[in-house]
């Protein structure tokens, strides 16, 4: 029994979509209902920069994976 490795890519993309939705609401609420202070702006900027760097790093790593591979399960039977 083999499982294509692209299943993990689809799961990853669904999680990224959920992260984008939550990030949108997080940023929206911080801008709309948060205090207009430098701390709030710096925190949002740090969140965006760190999140984008993690996202770009993971996308860089994903681009090196051979997505045609398959995982073989129960090969000893």
PDB file of N, CA and C in Angstrom:
ATOM      1  N   UNK A   1       0.852  -1.167   0.000  1.00  0.00           N
ATOM      2  CA  UNK A   1       0.000   0.000   0.000  1.00  0.00           C
ATOM      3  C   UNK A   1       0.900   1.234   0.000  1.00  0.00           C
ATOM      4  N   UNK A   2       0.661   2.127  -0.940  1.00  0.00           N
ATOM      5  CA  UNK A   2       1.472   3.339  -1.018  1.00  0.00           C
ATOM      6  C   UNK A   2       0.583   4.569  -0.914  1.00  0.00           C
ATOM      7  N   UNK A   3       1.156   5.609  -0.341  1.00  0.00           N
ATOM      8  CA  UNK A   3       0.464   6.884  -0.189  1.00  0.00           C
ATOM      9  C   UNK A   3       1.286   7.939  -0.919  1.00  0.00           C
ATOM     10  N   UNK A   4       0.672   8.709  -1.828  1.00  0.00           N
ATOM     11  CA  UNK A   4       1.444   9.770  -2.482  1.00  0.00           C
ATOM     12  C   UNK A   4       1.790  10.868  -1.488  1.00  0.00           C
ATOM     13  N   UNK A   5       2.987  11.408  -1.621  1.00  0.00           N
ATOM     14  CA  UNK A   5       3.465  12.420  -0.687  1.00  0.00           C
ATOM     15  C   UNK A   5       2.755  13.767  -0.904  1.00  0.00           C
ATOM     16  N   UNK A   6       2.064  13.915  -2.006  1.00  0.00           N
ATOM     17  CA  UNK A   6       1.354  15.168  -2.265  1.00  0.00           C
ATOM     18  C   UNK A   6       0.207  15.400  -1.278  1.00  0.00           C
ATOM     19  N   UNK A   7      -0.224  14.344  -0.602  1.00  0.00           N
ATOM     20  CA  UNK A   7      -1.257  14.504   0.422  1.00  0.00           C
ATOM     21  C   UNK A   7      -0.769  15.468   1.511  1.00  0.00           C
ATOM     22  N   UNK A   8       0.512  15.358   1.867  1.00  0.00           N
ATOM     23  CA  UNK A   8       1.070  16.263   2.873  1.00  0.00           C
ATOM     24  C   UNK A   8       1.129  17.693   2.364  1.00  0.00           C
ATOM     25  N   UNK A   9       1.352  17.862   1.066  1.00  0.00           N
ATOM     26  CA  UNK A   9       1.347  19.203   0.488  1.00  0.00           C
ATOM     27  C   UNK A   9      -0.039  19.823   0.568  1.00  0.00           C
ATOM     28  N   UNK A  10      -1.064  19.044   0.275  1.00  0.00           N
ATOM     29  CA  UNK A  10      -2.434  19.564   0.348  1.00  0.00           C
ATOM     30  C   UNK A  10      -2.821  19.913   1.791  1.00  0.00           C
ATOM     31  N   UNK A  11      -2.404  19.084   2.730  1.00  0.00           N
ATOM     32  CA  UNK A  11      -2.666  19.387   4.142  1.00  0.00           C
ATOM     33  C   UNK A  11      -1.954  20.677   4.536  1.00  0.00           C
ATOM     34  N   UNK A  12      -0.716  20.828   4.094  1.00  0.00           N
ATOM     35  CA  UNK A  12       0.044  22.039   4.374  1.00  0.00           C
ATOM     36  C   UNK A  12      -0.655  23.271   3.784  1.00  0.00           C
ATOM     37  N   UNK A  13      -1.120  23.173   2.560  1.00  0.00           N
ATOM     38  CA  UNK A  13      -1.795  24.310   1.923  1.00  0.00           C
ATOM     39  C   UNK A  13      -3.093  24.672   2.634  1.00  0.00           C
ATOM     40  N   UNK A  14      -3.822  23.686   3.128  1.00  0.00           N
ATOM     41  CA  UNK A  14      -5.045  23.961   3.898  1.00  0.00           C
ATOM     42  C   UNK A  14      -4.693  24.675   5.205  1.00  0.00           C
ATOM     43  N   UNK A  15      -3.626  24.239   5.864  1.00  0.00           N
ATOM     44  CA  UNK A  15      -3.204  24.896   7.096  1.00  0.00           C
ATOM     45  C   UNK A  15      -2.722  26.323   6.839  1.00  0.00           C
ATOM     46  N   UNK A  16      -2.051  26.547   5.732  1.00  0.00           N
ATOM     47  CA  UNK A  16      -1.621  27.903   5.365  1.00  0.00           C
ATOM     48  C   UNK A  16      -2.826  28.784   5.102  1.00  0.00           C
ATOM     49  N   UNK A  17      -3.840  28.255   4.447  1.00  0.00           N
ATOM     50  CA  UNK A  17      -5.060  29.023   4.205  1.00  0.00           C
ATOM     51  C   UNK A  17      -5.726  29.402   5.526  1.00  0.00           C
ATOM     52  N   UNK A  18      -5.801  28.472   6.459  1.00  0.00           N
ATOM     53  CA  UNK A  18      -6.373  28.767   7.779  1.00  0.00           C
ATOM     54  C   UNK A  18      -5.528  29.814   8.494  1.00  0.00           C
ATOM     55  N   UNK A  19      -4.199  29.697   8.404  1.00  0.00           N
ATOM     56  CA  UNK A  19      -3.318  30.687   9.018  1.00  0.00           C
ATOM     57  C   UNK A  19      -3.542  32.072   8.416  1.00  0.00           C
ATOM     58  N   UNK A  20      -3.718  32.153   7.102  1.00  0.00           N
ATOM     59  CA  UNK A  20      -3.965  33.446   6.451  1.00  0.00           C
ATOM     60  C   UNK A  20      -5.279  34.060   6.918  1.00  0.00           C
ATOM     61  N   UNK A  21      -6.298  33.252   7.062  1.00  0.00           N
ATOM     62  CA  UNK A  21      -7.593  33.756   7.524  1.00  0.00           C
ATOM     63  C   UNK A  21      -7.483  34.282   8.951  1.00  0.00           C
ATOM     64  N   UNK A  22      -6.851  33.502   9.839  1.00  0.00           N
ATOM     65  CA  UNK A  22      -6.683  33.943  11.223  1.00  0.00           C
ATOM     66  C   UNK A  22      -5.791  35.178  11.307  1.00  0.00           C
ATOM     67  N   UNK A  23      -4.758  35.239  10.485  1.00  0.00           N
ATOM     68  CA  UNK A  23      -3.883  36.409  10.485  1.00  0.00           C
ATOM     69  C   UNK A  23      -4.626  37.652  10.014  1.00  0.00           C
ATOM     70  N   UNK A  24      -5.469  37.491   9.008  1.00  0.00           N
ATOM     71  CA  UNK A  24      -6.250  38.631   8.527  1.00  0.00           C
ATOM     72  C   UNK A  24      -7.121  39.190   9.643  1.00  0.00           C
ATOM     73  N   UNK A  25      -7.828  38.320  10.345  1.00  0.00           N
ATOM     74  CA  UNK A  25      -8.689  38.785  11.431  1.00  0.00           C
ATOM     75  C   UNK A  25      -7.875  39.348  12.592  1.00  0.00           C
ATOM     76  N   UNK A  26      -6.720  38.760  12.858  1.00  0.00           N
ATOM     77  CA  UNK A  26      -5.857  39.265  13.919  1.00  0.00           C
ATOM     78  C   UNK A  26      -5.389  40.689  13.597  1.00  0.00           C
ATOM     79  N   UNK A  27      -4.903  40.903  12.398  1.00  0.00           N
ATOM     80  CA  UNK A  27      -4.425  42.223  11.999  1.00  0.00           C
ATOM     81  C   UNK A  27      -5.579  43.213  11.933  1.00  0.00           C
ATOM     82  N   UNK A  28      -6.717  42.779  11.403  1.00  0.00           N
ATOM     83  CA  UNK A  28      -7.887  43.655  11.322  1.00  0.00           C
ATOM     84  C   UNK A  28      -8.322  44.121  12.713  1.00  0.00           C
ATOM     85  N   UNK A  29      -8.421  43.192  13.649  1.00  0.00           N
ATOM     86  CA  UNK A  29      -8.860  43.559  14.988  1.00  0.00           C
ATOM     87  C   UNK A  29      -7.826  44.426  15.708  1.00  0.00           C
ATOM     88  N   UNK A  30      -6.553  44.165  15.477  1.00  0.00           N
ATOM     89  CA  UNK A  30      -5.527  44.992  16.113  1.00  0.00           C
ATOM     90  C   UNK A  30      -5.569  46.422  15.578  1.00  0.00           C
ATOM     91  N   UNK A  31      -5.841  46.570  14.283  1.00  0.00           N
ATOM     92  CA  UNK A  31      -5.918  47.910  13.710  1.00  0.00           C
ATOM     93  C   UNK A  31      -7.226  48.605  14.057  1.00  0.00           C
ATOM     94  N   UNK A  32      -8.309  47.861  14.051  1.00  0.00           N
ATOM     95  CA  UNK A  32      -9.627  48.461  14.275  1.00  0.00           C
ATOM     96  C   UNK A  32      -9.891  48.750  15.746  1.00  0.00           C
ATOM     97  N   UNK A  33      -9.574  47.815  16.624  1.00  0.00           N
ATOM     98  CA  UNK A  33      -9.951  47.941  18.028  1.00  0.00           C
ATOM     99  C   UNK A  33      -8.769  48.162  18.971  1.00  0.00           C
ATOM    100  N   UNK A  34      -7.554  48.046  18.462  1.00  0.00           N
ATOM    101  CA  UNK A  34      -6.386  48.238  19.316  1.00  0.00           C
ATOM    102  C   UNK A  34      -6.072  49.711  19.500  1.00  0.00           C
ATOM    103  N   UNK A  35      -5.286  49.995  20.493  1.00  0.00           N
ATOM    104  CA  UNK A  35      -4.859  51.363  20.729  1.00  0.00           C
ATOM    105  C   UNK A  35      -3.863  51.780  19.646  1.00  0.00           C
ATOM    106  N   UNK A  36      -3.949  53.004  19.210  1.00  0.00           N
ATOM    107  CA  UNK A  36      -3.061  53.504  18.162  1.00  0.00           C
ATOM    108  C   UNK A  36      -1.751  53.971  18.783  1.00  0.00           C
ATOM    109  N   UNK A  37      -0.985  53.021  19.267  1.00  0.00           N
ATOM    110  CA  UNK A  37       0.298  53.338  19.884  1.00  0.00           C
ATOM    111  C   UNK A  37       1.422  52.741  19.049  1.00  0.00           C
ATOM    112  N   UNK A  38       2.633  53.195  19.354  1.00  0.00           N
ATOM    113  CA  UNK A  38       3.785  52.647  18.642  1.00  0.00           C
ATOM    114  C   UNK A  38       3.979  51.173  18.976  1.00  0.00           C
ATOM    115  N   UNK A  39       3.662  50.791  20.175  1.00  0.00           N
ATOM    116  CA  UNK A  39       3.817  49.391  20.579  1.00  0.00           C
ATOM    117  C   UNK A  39       2.933  48.485  19.727  1.00  0.00           C
ATOM    118  N   UNK A  40       1.705  48.904  19.497  1.00  0.00           N
ATOM    119  CA  UNK A  40       0.789  48.125  18.665  1.00  0.00           C
ATOM    120  C   UNK A  40       1.324  48.024  17.235  1.00  0.00           C
ATOM    121  N   UNK A  41       1.819  49.128  16.700  1.00  0.00           N
ATOM    122  CA  UNK A  41       2.347  49.117  15.332  1.00  0.00           C
ATOM    123  C   UNK A  41       3.600  48.257  15.228  1.00  0.00           C
ATOM    124  N   UNK A  42       4.486  48.350  16.217  1.00  0.00           N
ATOM    125  CA  UNK A  42       5.701  47.532  16.203  1.00  0.00           C
ATOM    126  C   UNK A  42       5.386  46.051  16.369  1.00  0.00           C
ATOM    127  N   UNK A  43       4.403  45.765  17.193  1.00  0.00           N
ATOM    128  CA  UNK A  43       3.997  44.374  17.381  1.00  0.00           C
ATOM    129  C   UNK A  43       3.407  43.800  16.095  1.00  0.00           C
ATOM    130  N   UNK A  44       2.560  44.577  15.434  1.00  0.00           N
ATOM    131  CA  UNK A  44       2.001  44.114  14.160  1.00  0.00           C
ATOM    132  C   UNK A  44       3.083  43.946  13.104  1.00  0.00           C
ATOM    133  N   UNK A  45       4.009  44.892  13.041  1.00  0.00           N
ATOM    134  CA  UNK A  45       5.097  44.789  12.075  1.00  0.00           C
ATOM    135  C   UNK A  45       5.958  43.557  12.361  1.00  0.00           C
ATOM    136  N   UNK A  46       6.260  43.308  13.627  1.00  0.00           N
ATOM    137  CA  UNK A  46       7.051  42.127  13.987  1.00  0.00           C
ATOM    138  C   UNK A  46       6.302  40.850  13.634  1.00  0.00           C
ATOM    139  N   UNK A  47       4.995  40.819  13.906  1.00  0.00           N
ATOM    140  CA  UNK A  47       4.188  39.642  13.583  1.00  0.00           C
ATOM    141  C   UNK A  47       4.210  39.376  12.081  1.00  0.00           C
ATOM    142  N   UNK A  48       4.030  40.422  11.295  1.00  0.00           N
ATOM    143  CA  UNK A  48       4.004  40.260   9.837  1.00  0.00           C
ATOM    144  C   UNK A  48       5.372  39.823   9.318  1.00  0.00           C
ATOM    145  N   UNK A  49       6.437  40.449   9.796  1.00  0.00           N
ATOM    146  CA  UNK A  49       7.783  40.105   9.318  1.00  0.00           C
ATOM    147  C   UNK A  49       8.159  38.679   9.703  1.00  0.00           C
ATOM    148  N   UNK A  50       7.908  38.288  10.947  1.00  0.00           N
ATOM    149  CA  UNK A  50       8.240  36.926  11.384  1.00  0.00           C
ATOM    150  C   UNK A  50       7.388  35.900  10.658  1.00  0.00           C
ATOM    151  N   UNK A  51       6.096  36.187  10.496  1.00  0.00           N
ATOM    152  CA  UNK A  51       5.209  35.252   9.812  1.00  0.00           C
ATOM    153  C   UNK A  51       5.619  35.073   8.352  1.00  0.00           C
ATOM    154  N   UNK A  52       5.931  36.173   7.681  1.00  0.00           N
ATOM    155  CA  UNK A  52       6.346  36.066   6.286  1.00  0.00           C
ATOM    156  C   UNK A  52       7.683  35.357   6.132  1.00  0.00           C
ATOM    157  N   UNK A  53       8.592  35.571   7.069  1.00  0.00           N
ATOM    158  CA  UNK A  53       9.874  34.881   6.974  1.00  0.00           C
ATOM    159  C   UNK A  53       9.713  33.376   7.189  1.00  0.00           C
ATOM    160  N   UNK A  54       8.854  32.992   8.114  1.00  0.00           N
ATOM    161  CA  UNK A  54       8.585  31.564   8.316  1.00  0.00           C
ATOM    162  C   UNK A  54       7.901  30.969   7.093  1.00  0.00           C
ATOM    163  N   UNK A  55       6.941  31.692   6.540  1.00  0.00           N
ATOM    164  CA  UNK A  55       6.234  31.221   5.349  1.00  0.00           C
ATOM    165  C   UNK A  55       7.175  31.084   4.160  1.00  0.00           C
ATOM    166  N   UNK A  56       8.007  32.089   3.915  1.00  0.00           N
ATOM    167  CA  UNK A  56       8.939  32.025   2.794  1.00  0.00           C
ATOM    168  C   UNK A  56       9.986  30.931   3.009  1.00  0.00           C
ATOM    169  N   UNK A  57      10.442  30.757   4.235  1.00  0.00           N
ATOM    170  CA  UNK A  57      11.386  29.679   4.516  1.00  0.00           C
ATOM    171  C   UNK A  57      10.791  28.310   4.260  1.00  0.00           C
ATOM    172  N   UNK A  58       9.548  28.124   4.666  1.00  0.00           N
ATOM    173  CA  UNK A  58       8.908  26.821   4.431  1.00  0.00           C
ATOM    174  C   UNK A  58       8.623  26.612   2.946  1.00  0.00           C
ATOM    175  N   UNK A  59       8.257  27.667   2.241  1.00  0.00           N
ATOM    176  CA  UNK A  59       8.034  27.530   0.797  1.00  0.00           C
ATOM    177  C   UNK A  59       9.336  27.240   0.062  1.00  0.00           C
ATOM    178  N   UNK A  60      10.432  27.828   0.526  1.00  0.00           N
ATOM    179  CA  UNK A  60      11.734  27.526  -0.065  1.00  0.00           C
ATOM    180  C   UNK A  60      12.082  26.059   0.153  1.00  0.00           C
ATOM    181  N   UNK A  61      11.816  25.552   1.338  1.00  0.00           N
ATOM    182  CA  UNK A  61      12.083  24.144   1.629  1.00  0.00           C
ATOM    183  C   UNK A  61      11.174  23.236   0.804  1.00  0.00           C
ATOM    184  N   UNK A  62       9.922  23.590   0.688  1.00  0.00           N
ATOM    185  CA  UNK A  62       8.961  22.772  -0.062  1.00  0.00           C
ATOM    186  C   UNK A  62       9.332  22.679  -1.538  1.00  0.00           C
ATOM    187  N   UNK A  63       9.929  23.737  -2.073  1.00  0.00           N
ATOM    188  CA  UNK A  63      10.285  23.717  -3.496  1.00  0.00           C
ATOM    189  C   UNK A  63      11.390  22.711  -3.794  1.00  0.00           C
ATOM    190  N   UNK A  64      12.112  22.240  -2.780  1.00  0.00           N
ATOM    191  CA  UNK A  64      13.184  21.276  -3.002  1.00  0.00           C
ATOM    192  C   UNK A  64      12.718  19.825  -2.883  1.00  0.00           C
ATOM    193  N   UNK A  65      11.476  19.610  -2.502  1.00  0.00           N
ATOM    194  CA  UNK A  65      10.963  18.252  -2.285  1.00  0.00           C
ATOM    195  C   UNK A  65      10.493  17.662  -3.609  1.00  0.00           C
ATOM    196  N   UNK A  66      10.785  16.396  -3.817  1.00  0.00           N
ATOM    197  CA  UNK A  66      10.293  15.664  -4.980  1.00  0.00           C
ATOM    198  C   UNK A  66       8.880  15.165  -4.672  1.00  0.00           C
ATOM    199  N   UNK A  67       7.887  15.815  -5.253  1.00  0.00           N
ATOM    200  CA  UNK A  67       6.494  15.524  -4.920  1.00  0.00           C
ATOM    201  C   UNK A  67       5.933  14.321  -5.669  1.00  0.00           C
ATOM    202  N   UNK A  68       6.762  13.645  -6.464  1.00  0.00           N
ATOM    203  CA  UNK A  68       6.298  12.442  -7.150  1.00  0.00           C
ATOM    204  C   UNK A  68       6.559  11.184  -6.322  1.00  0.00           C
ATOM    205  N   UNK A  69       7.233  11.336  -5.192  1.00  0.00           N
ATOM    206  CA  UNK A  69       7.540  10.177  -4.341  1.00  0.00           C
ATOM    207  C   UNK A  69       6.274   9.627  -3.694  1.00  0.00           C
ATOM    208  N   UNK A  70       6.375   8.381  -3.302  1.00  0.00           N
ATOM    209  CA  UNK A  70       5.285   7.723  -2.585  1.00  0.00           C
ATOM    210  C   UNK A  70       5.853   7.080  -1.338  1.00  0.00           C
ATOM    211  N   UNK A  71       5.022   7.028  -0.303  1.00  0.00           N
ATOM    212  CA  UNK A  71       5.409   6.378   0.953  1.00  0.00           C
ATOM    213  C   UNK A  71       4.801   4.986   0.953  1.00  0.00           C
ATOM    214  N   UNK A  72       5.654   4.001   1.179  1.00  0.00           N
ATOM    215  CA  UNK A  72       5.168   2.634   1.190  1.00  0.00           C
ATOM    216  C   UNK A  72       4.892   2.208   2.622  1.00  0.00           C
ATOM    217  N   UNK A  73       3.663   1.780   2.847  1.00  0.00           N
ATOM    218  CA  UNK A  73       3.227   1.330   4.165  1.00  0.00           C
ATOM    219  C   UNK A  73       3.132  -0.188   4.178  1.00  0.00           C
ATOM    220  N   UNK A  74       3.431  -0.740   5.299  1.00  0.00           N
ATOM    221  CA  UNK A  74       3.316  -2.190   5.514  1.00  0.00           C
ATOM    222  C   UNK A  74       4.067  -2.985   4.449  1.00  0.00           C
ATOM    223  N   UNK A  75       5.288  -2.601   4.194  1.00  0.00           N
ATOM    224  CA  UNK A  75       6.077  -3.289   3.172  1.00  0.00           C
ATOM    225  C   UNK A  75       6.604  -4.639   3.642  1.00  0.00           C
ATOM    226  N   UNK A  76       6.542  -4.888   4.929  1.00  0.00           N
ATOM    227  CA  UNK A  76       7.070  -6.159   5.456  1.00  0.00           C
ATOM    228  C   UNK A  76       6.058  -7.280   5.362  1.00  0.00           C
ATOM    229  N   UNK A  77       4.824  -6.990   4.995  1.00  0.00           N
ATOM    230  CA  UNK A  77       3.793  -8.046   4.898  1.00  0.00           C
ATOM    231  C   UNK A  77       3.776  -8.623   3.512  1.00  0.00           C
TER     232      UNK A  77
END
